[in-house]
Amino acid sequence: MEMSNDILTLAALVAAYVGVVKGFGLSDKWTHIVAIVIASVFVMVPDYVQSKITLISVIGLTASGAYNYTKKRSDTNGKV
């Protein structure tokens, strides 16, 4: 995989993880720091570990329906 694809994949995974954390009630003012911490984990680990974490993340986030966290949430009246 070339570098730009790696960056796009990791950016999508970080966004999905931040969405999951926000789903647990994290305040918006902390999301940037959480994103940097999650990105740091992906970037600072050895390539072999990064590839395994990426694979685990893609499978786990997809299976858990994490894509719902990246969509805009609707309010209690069903309006977006």
N, C-alpha and C. Protein backbone atom coordinates (compact mmCIF):
# COMPACT_ATOMS: atom_id res chain seq x y z
N MET A 1 0.85 -1.17 0.00
CA MET A 1 0.00 0.00 0.00
C MET A 1 0.90 1.24 0.00
N GLU A 2 0.57 2.21 -0.82
CA GLU A 2 1.42 3.40 -0.86
C GLU A 2 1.08 4.35 0.29
N MET A 3 1.96 5.30 0.51
CA MET A 3 1.87 6.19 1.67
C MET A 3 0.55 6.95 1.75
N SER A 4 0.06 7.50 0.64
CA SER A 4 -1.18 8.28 0.70
C SER A 4 -2.37 7.40 1.09
N ASN A 5 -2.39 6.15 0.64
CA ASN A 5 -3.45 5.23 1.04
C ASN A 5 -3.36 4.91 2.52
N ASP A 6 -2.14 4.74 3.02
CA ASP A 6 -1.95 4.50 4.45
C ASP A 6 -2.50 5.64 5.27
N ILE A 7 -2.19 6.86 4.87
CA ILE A 7 -2.65 8.03 5.61
C ILE A 7 -4.17 8.13 5.58
N LEU A 8 -4.77 7.89 4.43
CA LEU A 8 -6.22 7.95 4.33
C LEU A 8 -6.88 6.86 5.17
N THR A 9 -6.31 5.68 5.15
CA THR A 9 -6.85 4.59 5.96
C THR A 9 -6.76 4.92 7.45
N LEU A 10 -5.60 5.39 7.88
CA LEU A 10 -5.42 5.73 9.29
C LEU A 10 -6.31 6.89 9.71
N ALA A 11 -6.47 7.88 8.83
CA ALA A 11 -7.34 9.02 9.15
C ALA A 11 -8.78 8.55 9.35
N ALA A 12 -9.23 7.63 8.50
CA ALA A 12 -10.59 7.10 8.65
C ALA A 12 -10.74 6.31 9.94
N LEU A 13 -9.72 5.53 10.29
CA LEU A 13 -9.78 4.76 11.53
C LEU A 13 -9.77 5.67 12.75
N VAL A 14 -8.93 6.69 12.73
CA VAL A 14 -8.90 7.63 13.86
C VAL A 14 -10.25 8.32 13.99
N ALA A 15 -10.84 8.74 12.88
CA ALA A 15 -12.16 9.38 12.92
C ALA A 15 -13.21 8.44 13.49
N ALA A 16 -13.15 7.18 13.12
CA ALA A 16 -14.12 6.20 13.64
C ALA A 16 -13.94 6.00 15.14
N TYR A 17 -12.68 5.90 15.59
CA TYR A 17 -12.43 5.75 17.03
C TYR A 17 -12.88 6.98 17.81
N VAL A 18 -12.63 8.15 17.28
CA VAL A 18 -13.09 9.38 17.95
C VAL A 18 -14.61 9.39 18.02
N GLY A 19 -15.26 8.94 16.95
CA GLY A 19 -16.72 8.85 16.96
C GLY A 19 -17.23 7.90 18.03
N VAL A 20 -16.56 6.79 18.20
CA VAL A 20 -16.94 5.82 19.24
C VAL A 20 -16.80 6.46 20.62
N VAL A 21 -15.68 7.13 20.83
CA VAL A 21 -15.44 7.77 22.14
C VAL A 21 -16.47 8.87 22.38
N LYS A 22 -16.81 9.64 21.34
CA LYS A 22 -17.85 10.67 21.48
C LYS A 22 -19.19 10.04 21.84
N GLY A 23 -19.43 8.85 21.31
CA GLY A 23 -20.67 8.13 21.62
C GLY A 23 -20.79 7.79 23.09
N PHE A 24 -19.66 7.73 23.79
CA PHE A 24 -19.67 7.49 25.23
C PHE A 24 -19.76 8.78 26.03
N GLY A 25 -19.92 9.91 25.33
CA GLY A 25 -20.16 11.17 26.02
C GLY A 25 -18.96 12.10 26.15
N LEU A 26 -17.90 11.85 25.40
CA LEU A 26 -16.74 12.73 25.45
C LEU A 26 -17.12 14.11 24.94
N SER A 27 -16.72 15.13 25.67
CA SER A 27 -16.97 16.51 25.28
C SER A 27 -16.21 16.84 24.00
N ASP A 28 -16.81 17.67 23.15
CA ASP A 28 -16.18 18.06 21.89
C ASP A 28 -14.82 18.72 22.08
N LYS A 29 -14.63 19.39 23.21
CA LYS A 29 -13.35 20.08 23.41
C LYS A 29 -12.19 19.11 23.59
N TRP A 30 -12.46 17.84 23.86
CA TRP A 30 -11.40 16.85 24.05
C TRP A 30 -11.15 15.98 22.82
N THR A 31 -11.99 16.07 21.82
CA THR A 31 -11.87 15.17 20.68
C THR A 31 -10.56 15.34 19.91
N HIS A 32 -10.05 16.56 19.84
CA HIS A 32 -8.79 16.79 19.11
C HIS A 32 -7.63 16.08 19.80
N ILE A 33 -7.60 16.15 21.11
CA ILE A 33 -6.53 15.49 21.86
C ILE A 33 -6.64 13.98 21.73
N VAL A 34 -7.85 13.46 21.81
CA VAL A 34 -8.06 12.02 21.65
C VAL A 34 -7.62 11.57 20.26
N ALA A 35 -7.94 12.36 19.24
CA ALA A 35 -7.53 12.03 17.88
C ALA A 35 -6.01 11.97 17.76
N ILE A 36 -5.33 12.93 18.38
CA ILE A 36 -3.86 12.94 18.32
C ILE A 36 -3.27 11.74 19.05
N VAL A 37 -3.85 11.39 20.19
CA VAL A 37 -3.35 10.24 20.95
C VAL A 37 -3.55 8.95 20.15
N ILE A 38 -4.72 8.78 19.57
CA ILE A 38 -4.99 7.58 18.79
C ILE A 38 -4.08 7.52 17.57
N ALA A 39 -3.92 8.65 16.88
CA ALA A 39 -3.03 8.69 15.72
C ALA A 39 -1.60 8.39 16.13
N SER A 40 -1.18 8.88 17.28
CA SER A 40 0.18 8.63 17.77
C SER A 40 0.43 7.14 17.96
N VAL A 41 -0.56 6.44 18.48
CA VAL A 41 -0.41 5.00 18.67
C VAL A 41 -0.18 4.32 17.33
N PHE A 42 -1.00 4.67 16.33
CA PHE A 42 -0.85 4.05 15.02
C PHE A 42 0.51 4.36 14.39
N VAL A 43 0.98 5.58 14.54
CA VAL A 43 2.20 6.01 13.85
C VAL A 43 3.47 5.55 14.56
N MET A 44 3.45 5.49 15.88
CA MET A 44 4.68 5.23 16.63
C MET A 44 5.00 3.75 16.83
N VAL A 45 4.04 2.88 16.59
CA VAL A 45 4.33 1.46 16.74
C VAL A 45 5.06 0.95 15.50
N PRO A 46 5.79 -0.15 15.62
CA PRO A 46 6.46 -0.73 14.45
C PRO A 46 5.46 -1.09 13.35
N ASP A 47 5.94 -1.12 12.11
CA ASP A 47 5.07 -1.37 10.95
C ASP A 47 4.26 -2.66 11.09
N TYR A 48 4.89 -3.72 11.58
CA TYR A 48 4.19 -5.00 11.74
C TYR A 48 3.01 -4.84 12.71
N VAL A 49 3.25 -4.17 13.82
CA VAL A 49 2.20 -3.96 14.82
C VAL A 49 1.12 -3.05 14.25
N GLN A 50 1.54 -2.01 13.52
CA GLN A 50 0.56 -1.10 12.92
C GLN A 50 -0.35 -1.82 11.96
N SER A 51 0.20 -2.71 11.15
CA SER A 51 -0.64 -3.43 10.20
C SER A 51 -1.64 -4.33 10.91
N LYS A 52 -1.23 -4.94 12.01
CA LYS A 52 -2.15 -5.79 12.77
C LYS A 52 -3.22 -4.95 13.48
N ILE A 53 -2.83 -3.82 14.05
CA ILE A 53 -3.80 -2.92 14.70
C ILE A 53 -4.79 -2.39 13.68
N THR A 54 -4.29 -2.07 12.49
CA THR A 54 -5.18 -1.58 11.43
C THR A 54 -6.18 -2.66 11.03
N LEU A 55 -5.70 -3.88 10.85
CA LEU A 55 -6.59 -4.98 10.49
C LEU A 55 -7.64 -5.23 11.57
N ILE A 56 -7.20 -5.27 12.81
CA ILE A 56 -8.12 -5.47 13.93
C ILE A 56 -9.15 -4.34 13.98
N SER A 57 -8.69 -3.11 13.78
CA SER A 57 -9.58 -1.95 13.83
C SER A 57 -10.62 -1.99 12.73
N VAL A 58 -10.20 -2.29 11.52
CA VAL A 58 -11.14 -2.34 10.40
C VAL A 58 -12.20 -3.41 10.65
N ILE A 59 -11.78 -4.58 11.06
CA ILE A 59 -12.73 -5.66 11.31
C ILE A 59 -13.64 -5.32 12.49
N GLY A 60 -13.06 -4.88 13.58
CA GLY A 60 -13.84 -4.59 14.78
C GLY A 60 -14.79 -3.42 14.62
N LEU A 61 -14.32 -2.33 14.04
CA LEU A 61 -15.18 -1.16 13.87
C LEU A 61 -16.29 -1.42 12.87
N THR A 62 -15.99 -2.17 11.83
CA THR A 62 -17.01 -2.51 10.85
C THR A 62 -18.06 -3.44 11.46
N ALA A 63 -17.61 -4.45 12.18
CA ALA A 63 -18.54 -5.41 12.78
C ALA A 63 -19.42 -4.77 13.85
N SER A 64 -18.88 -3.78 14.55
CA SER A 64 -19.65 -3.14 15.62
C SER A 64 -20.56 -2.04 15.09
N GLY A 65 -20.46 -1.76 13.80
CA GLY A 65 -21.31 -0.71 13.24
C GLY A 65 -20.82 0.68 13.59
N ALA A 66 -19.53 0.85 13.75
CA ALA A 66 -18.97 2.15 14.15
C ALA A 66 -19.24 3.23 13.12
N TYR A 67 -19.59 2.82 11.90
CA TYR A 67 -19.91 3.83 10.90
C TYR A 67 -21.06 4.70 11.36
N ASN A 68 -21.91 4.19 12.26
CA ASN A 68 -23.00 4.99 12.80
C ASN A 68 -22.48 6.19 13.58
N TYR A 69 -21.32 6.04 14.20
CA TYR A 69 -20.76 7.13 15.00
C TYR A 69 -20.21 8.24 14.14
N THR A 70 -19.87 7.96 12.90
CA THR A 70 -19.32 9.00 12.05
C THR A 70 -20.40 9.74 11.28
N LYS A 71 -21.63 9.21 11.28
CA LYS A 71 -22.74 9.91 10.67
C LYS A 71 -23.26 10.97 11.62
N LYS A 72 -23.93 11.99 11.08
CA LYS A 72 -24.51 13.02 11.93
C LYS A 72 -25.65 12.43 12.73
N ARG A 73 -25.61 12.63 14.04
CA ARG A 73 -26.65 12.10 14.92
C ARG A 73 -27.92 12.94 14.80
N SER A 74 -29.08 12.28 14.93
CA SER A 74 -30.33 13.02 14.94
C SER A 74 -30.76 13.26 16.38
N ASP A 75 -31.59 14.29 16.56
CA ASP A 75 -32.06 14.56 17.93
C ASP A 75 -33.20 13.63 18.27
N THR A 76 -33.83 13.82 19.42
CA THR A 76 -34.87 12.91 19.89
C THR A 76 -36.14 12.98 19.06
N ASN A 77 -36.35 14.05 18.29
CA ASN A 77 -37.53 14.16 17.45
C ASN A 77 -37.33 13.54 16.09
N GLY A 78 -36.15 12.98 15.84
CA GLY A 78 -35.88 12.35 14.56
C GLY A 78 -35.41 13.31 13.49
N LYS A 79 -35.21 14.59 13.84
CA LYS A 79 -34.71 15.56 12.86
C LYS A 79 -33.20 15.53 12.86
N VAL A 80 -32.65 15.73 11.69
CA VAL A 80 -31.18 15.75 11.58
C VAL A 80 -30.67 17.16 11.77
